[in-house]
Amino acid sequence: MADEVTKFWKVGRFYLTFWNAFNLTLYSALAVSFALRMVALSKAGGSEERGYWDLMSYNWLAFVAPMFWARMLLFLDTIKFFGAMLVVLKVMMMESLM
């Protein structure tokens, strides 16, 4: 996460492409999940409040899980079929954001 912020600091707004924004969103959601887990660990063991924060942390991880699979697609970019699929997927996501 610090690497992404450092790159943005050095390059400026031109660094903000689709996949870089996607990575930043992914890392931010993971940081939120980690912070919720730390809050859960600060509560008394076996308490209802600790269970609530654990559940919130796992819900955030469940939210981020599909994003990890999309991130794994970048490693398949060298294969011709998946490379074309990623271009189509990127255009579809960009248009859905608009």
N, C-alpha and C. Protein backbone atom coordinates (compact mmCIF):
# COMPACT_ATOMS: atom_id res chain seq x y z
N MET A 1 0.83 -1.18 0.00
CA MET A 1 0.00 0.00 0.00
C MET A 1 0.87 1.25 0.00
N ALA A 2 1.97 1.20 0.77
CA ALA A 2 2.88 2.33 0.80
C ALA A 2 3.56 2.52 -0.55
N ASP A 3 3.82 1.42 -1.26
CA ASP A 3 4.43 1.50 -2.58
C ASP A 3 3.50 2.21 -3.56
N GLU A 4 2.22 1.89 -3.50
CA GLU A 4 1.26 2.54 -4.39
C GLU A 4 1.17 4.04 -4.10
N VAL A 5 1.17 4.41 -2.84
CA VAL A 5 1.09 5.82 -2.47
C VAL A 5 2.36 6.54 -2.90
N THR A 6 3.52 5.90 -2.75
CA THR A 6 4.78 6.50 -3.17
C THR A 6 4.81 6.73 -4.67
N LYS A 7 4.33 5.75 -5.43
CA LYS A 7 4.29 5.91 -6.89
C LYS A 7 3.36 7.06 -7.28
N PHE A 8 2.21 7.14 -6.62
CA PHE A 8 1.28 8.23 -6.91
C PHE A 8 1.90 9.58 -6.56
N TRP A 9 2.65 9.64 -5.47
CA TRP A 9 3.30 10.87 -5.04
C TRP A 9 4.34 11.32 -6.07
N LYS A 10 5.11 10.36 -6.61
CA LYS A 10 6.18 10.71 -7.55
C LYS A 10 5.65 11.02 -8.95
N VAL A 11 4.68 10.26 -9.42
CA VAL A 11 4.20 10.42 -10.80
C VAL A 11 3.08 11.45 -10.90
N GLY A 12 2.24 11.49 -9.90
CA GLY A 12 1.12 12.43 -9.93
C GLY A 12 -0.15 11.77 -10.44
N ARG A 13 -1.05 12.55 -10.91
CA ARG A 13 -2.35 12.04 -11.33
C ARG A 13 -2.29 11.14 -12.55
N PHE A 14 -1.21 11.19 -13.31
CA PHE A 14 -1.08 10.34 -14.50
C PHE A 14 -0.86 8.88 -14.13
N TYR A 15 -0.52 8.63 -12.89
CA TYR A 15 -0.33 7.25 -12.42
C TYR A 15 -1.66 6.53 -12.23
N LEU A 16 -2.72 7.28 -12.08
CA LEU A 16 -4.02 6.72 -11.74
C LEU A 16 -4.71 6.13 -12.98
N THR A 17 -4.33 4.88 -13.31
CA THR A 17 -5.00 4.15 -14.39
C THR A 17 -6.03 3.22 -13.75
N PHE A 18 -6.73 2.47 -14.59
CA PHE A 18 -7.78 1.59 -14.08
C PHE A 18 -7.22 0.57 -13.09
N TRP A 19 -6.16 -0.15 -13.49
CA TRP A 19 -5.65 -1.22 -12.63
C TRP A 19 -4.97 -0.67 -11.38
N ASN A 20 -4.38 0.51 -11.48
CA ASN A 20 -3.79 1.11 -10.28
C ASN A 20 -4.88 1.53 -9.29
N ALA A 21 -5.97 2.08 -9.80
CA ALA A 21 -7.10 2.43 -8.92
C ALA A 21 -7.72 1.17 -8.33
N PHE A 22 -7.79 0.12 -9.13
CA PHE A 22 -8.31 -1.16 -8.66
C PHE A 22 -7.44 -1.71 -7.52
N ASN A 23 -6.13 -1.66 -7.70
CA ASN A 23 -5.21 -2.13 -6.65
C ASN A 23 -5.33 -1.29 -5.39
N LEU A 24 -5.45 0.01 -5.56
CA LEU A 24 -5.58 0.89 -4.40
C LEU A 24 -6.86 0.59 -3.62
N THR A 25 -7.94 0.33 -4.34
CA THR A 25 -9.20 -0.04 -3.69
C THR A 25 -9.07 -1.37 -2.96
N LEU A 26 -8.42 -2.32 -3.59
CA LEU A 26 -8.20 -3.63 -2.99
C LEU A 26 -7.37 -3.52 -1.72
N TYR A 27 -6.28 -2.79 -1.80
CA TYR A 27 -5.42 -2.65 -0.62
C TYR A 27 -6.11 -1.89 0.51
N SER A 28 -6.91 -0.90 0.16
CA SER A 28 -7.65 -0.15 1.19
C SER A 28 -8.66 -1.04 1.90
N ALA A 29 -9.38 -1.86 1.14
CA ALA A 29 -10.35 -2.77 1.75
C ALA A 29 -9.65 -3.80 2.63
N LEU A 30 -8.48 -4.26 2.22
CA LEU A 30 -7.72 -5.18 3.07
C LEU A 30 -7.25 -4.51 4.36
N ALA A 31 -6.86 -3.25 4.26
CA ALA A 31 -6.44 -2.51 5.45
C ALA A 31 -7.61 -2.34 6.42
N VAL A 32 -8.80 -2.09 5.89
CA VAL A 32 -10.00 -1.97 6.74
C VAL A 32 -10.26 -3.30 7.44
N SER A 33 -10.16 -4.40 6.69
CA SER A 33 -10.38 -5.72 7.28
C SER A 33 -9.36 -6.01 8.39
N PHE A 34 -8.12 -5.66 8.13
CA PHE A 34 -7.08 -5.86 9.14
C PHE A 34 -7.34 -5.01 10.38
N ALA A 35 -7.76 -3.76 10.18
CA ALA A 35 -8.05 -2.89 11.32
C ALA A 35 -9.23 -3.44 12.14
N LEU A 36 -10.25 -3.95 11.46
CA LEU A 36 -11.38 -4.54 12.18
C LEU A 36 -10.95 -5.78 12.97
N ARG A 37 -10.05 -6.55 12.39
CA ARG A 37 -9.55 -7.74 13.09
C ARG A 37 -8.74 -7.33 14.33
N MET A 38 -7.97 -6.26 14.24
CA MET A 38 -7.20 -5.79 15.39
C MET A 38 -8.14 -5.27 16.49
N VAL A 39 -9.23 -4.63 16.09
CA VAL A 39 -10.22 -4.19 17.07
C VAL A 39 -10.82 -5.40 17.77
N ALA A 40 -11.10 -6.46 17.00
CA ALA A 40 -11.67 -7.68 17.58
C ALA A 40 -10.69 -8.31 18.58
N LEU A 41 -9.42 -8.29 18.25
CA LEU A 41 -8.43 -8.89 19.16
C LEU A 41 -8.24 -8.06 20.43
N SER A 42 -8.60 -6.79 20.39
CA SER A 42 -8.46 -5.96 21.58
C SER A 42 -9.60 -6.18 22.58
N LYS A 43 -10.66 -6.83 22.14
CA LYS A 43 -11.80 -7.09 23.03
C LYS A 43 -11.56 -8.37 23.84
N ALA A 44 -12.32 -8.53 24.89
CA ALA A 44 -12.18 -9.71 25.75
C ALA A 44 -12.53 -10.98 24.98
N GLY A 45 -11.75 -12.03 25.20
CA GLY A 45 -11.96 -13.29 24.51
C GLY A 45 -13.32 -13.91 24.82
N GLY A 46 -14.01 -14.36 23.79
CA GLY A 46 -15.30 -15.01 23.97
C GLY A 46 -16.47 -14.07 24.17
N SER A 47 -16.23 -12.76 24.15
CA SER A 47 -17.34 -11.83 24.37
C SER A 47 -18.15 -11.65 23.08
N GLU A 48 -19.36 -11.15 23.25
CA GLU A 48 -20.24 -10.93 22.10
C GLU A 48 -19.70 -9.82 21.21
N GLU A 49 -19.08 -8.84 21.84
CA GLU A 49 -18.53 -7.72 21.07
C GLU A 49 -17.37 -8.18 20.19
N ARG A 50 -16.54 -9.09 20.69
CA ARG A 50 -15.44 -9.61 19.90
C ARG A 50 -15.96 -10.41 18.69
N GLY A 51 -17.02 -11.16 18.91
CA GLY A 51 -17.63 -11.90 17.81
C GLY A 51 -18.17 -10.99 16.74
N TYR A 52 -18.74 -9.86 17.16
CA TYR A 52 -19.27 -8.89 16.20
C TYR A 52 -18.15 -8.34 15.31
N TRP A 53 -17.03 -7.93 15.92
CA TRP A 53 -15.92 -7.37 15.15
C TRP A 53 -15.25 -8.42 14.28
N ASP A 54 -15.19 -9.66 14.75
CA ASP A 54 -14.68 -10.75 13.92
C ASP A 54 -15.54 -10.93 12.68
N LEU A 55 -16.85 -10.92 12.89
CA LEU A 55 -17.77 -11.08 11.77
C LEU A 55 -17.63 -9.94 10.76
N MET A 56 -17.48 -8.72 11.27
CA MET A 56 -17.30 -7.58 10.37
C MET A 56 -16.01 -7.72 9.56
N SER A 57 -14.95 -8.19 10.20
CA SER A 57 -13.68 -8.39 9.50
C SER A 57 -13.81 -9.43 8.40
N TYR A 58 -14.46 -10.53 8.70
CA TYR A 58 -14.64 -11.58 7.71
C TYR A 58 -15.58 -11.14 6.59
N ASN A 59 -16.55 -10.30 6.90
CA ASN A 59 -17.42 -9.76 5.85
C ASN A 59 -16.64 -8.88 4.88
N TRP A 60 -15.71 -8.09 5.40
CA TRP A 60 -14.86 -7.29 4.53
C TRP A 60 -13.98 -8.18 3.65
N LEU A 61 -13.46 -9.25 4.23
CA LEU A 61 -12.65 -10.17 3.43
C LEU A 61 -13.49 -10.84 2.35
N ALA A 62 -14.74 -11.16 2.65
CA ALA A 62 -15.63 -11.74 1.65
C ALA A 62 -15.92 -10.74 0.54
N PHE A 63 -16.00 -9.47 0.89
CA PHE A 63 -16.21 -8.42 -0.10
C PHE A 63 -15.01 -8.29 -1.03
N VAL A 64 -13.82 -8.49 -0.50
CA VAL A 64 -12.59 -8.31 -1.27
C VAL A 64 -12.23 -9.55 -2.09
N ALA A 65 -12.74 -10.72 -1.74
CA ALA A 65 -12.36 -11.97 -2.40
C ALA A 65 -12.56 -11.94 -3.92
N PRO A 66 -13.68 -11.47 -4.46
CA PRO A 66 -13.78 -11.42 -5.93
C PRO A 66 -12.76 -10.49 -6.57
N MET A 67 -12.37 -9.46 -5.84
CA MET A 67 -11.35 -8.55 -6.36
C MET A 67 -10.01 -9.25 -6.48
N PHE A 68 -9.72 -10.17 -5.56
CA PHE A 68 -8.48 -10.94 -5.65
C PHE A 68 -8.47 -11.81 -6.90
N TRP A 69 -9.61 -12.41 -7.22
CA TRP A 69 -9.67 -13.25 -8.42
C TRP A 69 -9.48 -12.40 -9.67
N ALA A 70 -10.03 -11.20 -9.69
CA ALA A 70 -9.81 -10.31 -10.83
C ALA A 70 -8.34 -9.92 -10.92
N ARG A 71 -7.71 -9.75 -9.78
CA ARG A 71 -6.26 -9.42 -9.75
C ARG A 71 -5.43 -10.58 -10.27
N MET A 72 -5.87 -11.81 -9.99
CA MET A 72 -5.14 -12.99 -10.46
C MET A 72 -5.22 -13.11 -11.98
N LEU A 73 -6.25 -12.53 -12.60
CA LEU A 73 -6.36 -12.58 -14.05
C LEU A 73 -5.21 -11.85 -14.74
N LEU A 74 -4.62 -10.89 -14.06
CA LEU A 74 -3.50 -10.17 -14.66
C LEU A 74 -2.31 -11.09 -14.93
N PHE A 75 -2.16 -12.17 -14.16
CA PHE A 75 -1.06 -13.09 -14.39
C PHE A 75 -1.31 -13.95 -15.62
N LEU A 76 -2.56 -14.05 -16.04
CA LEU A 76 -2.89 -14.82 -17.24
C LEU A 76 -2.87 -13.96 -18.50
N ASP A 77 -2.42 -12.73 -18.37
CA ASP A 77 -2.40 -11.79 -19.48
C ASP A 77 -1.52 -12.25 -20.64
N THR A 78 -0.53 -13.07 -20.37
CA THR A 78 0.39 -13.50 -21.42
C THR A 78 -0.26 -14.50 -22.37
N ILE A 79 -1.31 -15.18 -21.95
CA ILE A 79 -2.03 -16.10 -22.82
C ILE A 79 -2.99 -15.28 -23.68
N LYS A 80 -3.00 -15.55 -24.98
CA LYS A 80 -3.73 -14.73 -25.95
C LYS A 80 -5.21 -14.58 -25.61
N PHE A 81 -5.87 -15.67 -25.25
CA PHE A 81 -7.31 -15.62 -24.97
C PHE A 81 -7.60 -14.73 -23.77
N PHE A 82 -6.86 -14.92 -22.69
CA PHE A 82 -7.11 -14.14 -21.48
C PHE A 82 -6.71 -12.67 -21.66
N GLY A 83 -5.71 -12.42 -22.49
CA GLY A 83 -5.32 -11.03 -22.77
C GLY A 83 -6.44 -10.26 -23.41
N ALA A 84 -7.10 -10.89 -24.40
CA ALA A 84 -8.24 -10.23 -25.06
C ALA A 84 -9.41 -10.09 -24.10
N MET A 85 -9.62 -11.10 -23.26
CA MET A 85 -10.72 -11.03 -22.28
C MET A 85 -10.50 -9.88 -21.30
N LEU A 86 -9.25 -9.66 -20.89
CA LEU A 86 -8.97 -8.58 -19.94
C LEU A 86 -9.22 -7.22 -20.56
N VAL A 87 -8.90 -7.07 -21.83
CA VAL A 87 -9.18 -5.79 -22.49
C VAL A 87 -10.68 -5.53 -22.51
N VAL A 88 -11.46 -6.54 -22.86
CA VAL A 88 -12.92 -6.41 -22.89
C VAL A 88 -13.46 -6.12 -21.48
N LEU A 89 -12.94 -6.84 -20.49
CA LEU A 89 -13.37 -6.65 -19.10
C LEU A 89 -13.06 -5.24 -18.62
N LYS A 90 -11.88 -4.74 -18.97
CA LYS A 90 -11.49 -3.39 -18.55
C LYS A 90 -12.42 -2.35 -19.16
N VAL A 91 -12.74 -2.48 -20.45
CA VAL A 91 -13.62 -1.53 -21.10
C VAL A 91 -15.02 -1.58 -20.50
N MET A 92 -15.50 -2.79 -20.21
CA MET A 92 -16.83 -2.93 -19.61
C MET A 92 -16.88 -2.28 -18.23
N MET A 93 -15.85 -2.46 -17.42
CA MET A 93 -15.83 -1.87 -16.08
C MET A 93 -15.73 -0.35 -16.16
N MET A 94 -14.93 0.15 -17.09
CA MET A 94 -14.80 1.60 -17.22
C MET A 94 -16.14 2.23 -17.64
N GLU A 95 -16.85 1.57 -18.56
CA GLU A 95 -18.13 2.11 -19.01
C GLU A 95 -19.20 1.99 -17.92
N SER A 96 -19.12 0.95 -17.11
CA SER A 96 -20.10 0.82 -16.04
C SER A 96 -19.89 1.87 -14.95
N LEU A 97 -18.65 2.32 -14.77
CA LEU A 97 -18.39 3.38 -13.80
C LEU A 97 -18.92 4.73 -14.28
N MET A 98 -18.94 4.89 -15.58
CA MET A 98 -19.45 6.16 -16.15
C MET A 98 -20.95 6.20 -16.02
